[in-house]
N, C-alpha and C. Protein backbone atom coordinates (compact mmCIF):
# COMPACT_ATOMS: atom_id res chain seq x y z
N MET A 1 100.60 89.27 83.31
CA MET A 1 100.21 89.47 84.70
C MET A 1 101.45 89.42 85.58
N ALA A 2 101.54 90.34 86.51
CA ALA A 2 102.70 90.43 87.39
C ALA A 2 102.50 89.58 88.64
N VAL A 3 103.61 89.06 89.13
CA VAL A 3 103.60 88.28 90.37
C VAL A 3 103.79 89.24 91.53
N LYS A 4 102.87 89.22 92.49
CA LYS A 4 102.96 90.11 93.65
C LYS A 4 103.63 89.35 94.79
N LEU A 5 104.80 89.81 95.21
CA LEU A 5 105.57 89.12 96.23
C LEU A 5 105.43 89.72 97.62
N THR A 6 104.99 90.95 97.70
CA THR A 6 104.94 91.62 98.98
C THR A 6 103.69 91.22 99.77
N ALA A 7 103.81 91.16 101.08
CA ALA A 7 102.68 90.84 101.95
C ALA A 7 102.23 92.09 102.70
N ARG A 8 102.84 93.22 102.39
CA ARG A 8 102.50 94.44 103.11
C ARG A 8 101.16 94.99 102.65
N LYS A 9 100.51 95.77 103.52
CA LYS A 9 99.24 96.40 103.21
C LYS A 9 99.34 97.88 103.52
N GLY A 10 98.43 98.66 102.95
CA GLY A 10 98.42 100.09 103.18
C GLY A 10 97.97 100.44 104.59
N LEU A 11 98.30 101.65 104.99
CA LEU A 11 97.90 102.15 106.31
C LEU A 11 96.52 102.79 106.25
N THR A 12 95.75 102.66 107.31
CA THR A 12 94.43 103.30 107.37
C THR A 12 94.37 104.17 108.62
N GLY A 13 93.50 105.15 108.55
CA GLY A 13 93.34 106.03 109.69
C GLY A 13 92.32 107.11 109.37
N ASN A 14 92.38 108.20 110.09
CA ASN A 14 91.46 109.31 109.89
C ASN A 14 92.23 110.57 109.54
N ARG A 15 91.65 111.36 108.63
CA ARG A 15 92.15 112.72 108.43
C ARG A 15 91.43 113.59 109.46
N ARG A 16 92.14 114.50 110.06
CA ARG A 16 91.53 115.35 111.08
C ARG A 16 91.60 116.80 110.64
N SER A 17 90.46 117.48 110.59
CA SER A 17 90.44 118.90 110.28
C SER A 17 90.63 119.70 111.57
N HIS A 18 90.69 121.02 111.45
CA HIS A 18 90.83 121.85 112.65
C HIS A 18 89.61 121.73 113.56
N ALA A 19 88.47 121.40 112.95
CA ALA A 19 87.24 121.21 113.73
C ALA A 19 87.14 119.79 114.27
N LEU A 20 88.19 119.01 114.10
CA LEU A 20 88.29 117.63 114.57
C LEU A 20 87.28 116.69 113.90
N ASN A 21 86.88 117.04 112.66
CA ASN A 21 86.06 116.11 111.88
C ASN A 21 86.95 114.95 111.45
N ALA A 22 86.43 113.72 111.55
CA ALA A 22 87.19 112.54 111.17
C ALA A 22 86.68 112.02 109.84
N THR A 23 87.58 111.90 108.87
CA THR A 23 87.25 111.35 107.56
C THR A 23 88.18 110.18 107.32
N LYS A 24 87.61 109.04 106.92
CA LYS A 24 88.44 107.85 106.67
C LYS A 24 89.48 108.15 105.60
N HIS A 25 90.66 107.58 105.79
CA HIS A 25 91.80 107.87 104.92
C HIS A 25 92.65 106.61 104.78
N LYS A 26 93.19 106.37 103.59
CA LYS A 26 94.06 105.22 103.37
C LYS A 26 95.30 105.66 102.62
N GLN A 27 96.46 105.20 103.09
CA GLN A 27 97.73 105.43 102.40
C GLN A 27 98.09 104.15 101.67
N ASN A 28 98.13 104.22 100.34
CA ASN A 28 98.46 103.05 99.55
C ASN A 28 99.97 102.86 99.48
N LEU A 29 100.40 101.64 99.16
CA LEU A 29 101.81 101.34 99.00
C LEU A 29 102.32 101.88 97.68
N ASN A 30 103.63 102.14 97.62
CA ASN A 30 104.27 102.59 96.40
C ASN A 30 104.73 101.35 95.63
N LEU A 31 103.79 100.70 94.95
CA LEU A 31 104.09 99.46 94.24
C LEU A 31 104.72 99.75 92.89
N GLN A 32 105.77 99.02 92.57
CA GLN A 32 106.49 99.16 91.31
C GLN A 32 106.53 97.80 90.64
N THR A 33 106.30 97.77 89.33
CA THR A 33 106.36 96.53 88.56
C THR A 33 107.58 96.57 87.65
N LYS A 34 108.42 95.55 87.75
CA LYS A 34 109.62 95.46 86.93
C LYS A 34 109.81 94.02 86.49
N LYS A 35 110.60 93.83 85.42
CA LYS A 35 110.89 92.49 84.94
C LYS A 35 112.18 91.97 85.57
N VAL A 36 112.12 90.75 86.09
CA VAL A 36 113.28 90.08 86.66
C VAL A 36 113.37 88.72 85.98
N ASN A 37 114.42 88.50 85.22
CA ASN A 37 114.60 87.24 84.48
C ASN A 37 113.39 86.91 83.61
N GLY A 38 112.81 87.93 82.97
CA GLY A 38 111.68 87.73 82.06
C GLY A 38 110.34 87.60 82.74
N VAL A 39 110.27 87.74 84.06
CA VAL A 39 109.01 87.64 84.80
C VAL A 39 108.70 89.00 85.42
N LYS A 40 107.45 89.47 85.23
CA LYS A 40 107.05 90.72 85.85
C LYS A 40 106.82 90.50 87.34
N VAL A 41 107.45 91.34 88.16
CA VAL A 41 107.36 91.21 89.61
C VAL A 41 106.91 92.55 90.18
N THR A 42 105.97 92.51 91.11
CA THR A 42 105.48 93.72 91.79
C THR A 42 105.96 93.72 93.22
N LEU A 43 106.73 94.74 93.58
CA LEU A 43 107.24 94.94 94.94
C LEU A 43 107.07 96.40 95.31
N THR A 44 107.18 96.70 96.59
CA THR A 44 107.17 98.09 97.01
C THR A 44 108.52 98.72 96.67
N ASN A 45 108.53 100.03 96.58
CA ASN A 45 109.75 100.74 96.25
C ASN A 45 110.83 100.49 97.31
N ARG A 46 110.44 100.40 98.56
CA ARG A 46 111.40 100.15 99.64
C ARG A 46 112.07 98.79 99.46
N GLU A 47 111.30 97.78 99.05
CA GLU A 47 111.85 96.45 98.84
C GLU A 47 112.80 96.42 97.64
N TRP A 48 112.46 97.16 96.56
CA TRP A 48 113.37 97.25 95.41
C TRP A 48 114.69 97.88 95.82
N ARG A 49 114.62 98.94 96.62
CA ARG A 49 115.84 99.61 97.06
C ARG A 49 116.69 98.69 97.92
N ALA A 50 116.05 97.89 98.79
CA ALA A 50 116.80 96.95 99.63
C ALA A 50 117.47 95.88 98.77
N LEU A 51 116.78 95.39 97.74
CA LEU A 51 117.36 94.39 96.85
C LEU A 51 118.56 94.97 96.10
N ASN A 52 118.43 96.19 95.60
CA ASN A 52 119.53 96.83 94.89
C ASN A 52 120.73 97.03 95.80
N LYS A 53 120.48 97.41 97.03
CA LYS A 53 121.55 97.63 97.99
C LYS A 53 122.28 96.30 98.28
N TYR A 54 121.51 95.22 98.43
CA TYR A 54 122.08 93.90 98.69
C TYR A 54 122.90 93.43 97.49
N ASN A 55 122.38 93.63 96.27
CA ASN A 55 123.09 93.18 95.06
C ASN A 55 124.37 93.97 94.82
N LYS A 56 124.39 95.26 95.16
CA LYS A 56 125.60 96.06 94.99
C LYS A 56 126.67 95.65 95.98
N ALA A 57 126.28 95.23 97.18
CA ALA A 57 127.24 94.83 98.19
C ALA A 57 127.87 93.47 97.87
N ALA A 58 127.13 92.64 97.17
CA ALA A 58 127.63 91.28 96.87
C ALA A 58 128.61 91.27 95.71
């Protein structure tokens, strides 16, 4: 089982057609699961990229 560290949630809203019909719509997060020190961790892709950027700078 992976540890979920992110507190972010998906976006919700309406899809709008040309006739202005409203249909409920949800954008899910881009969650990625990877192993860190032998532990499976689930983060969003944006958070993984920020961690990689921080680790390369250090």
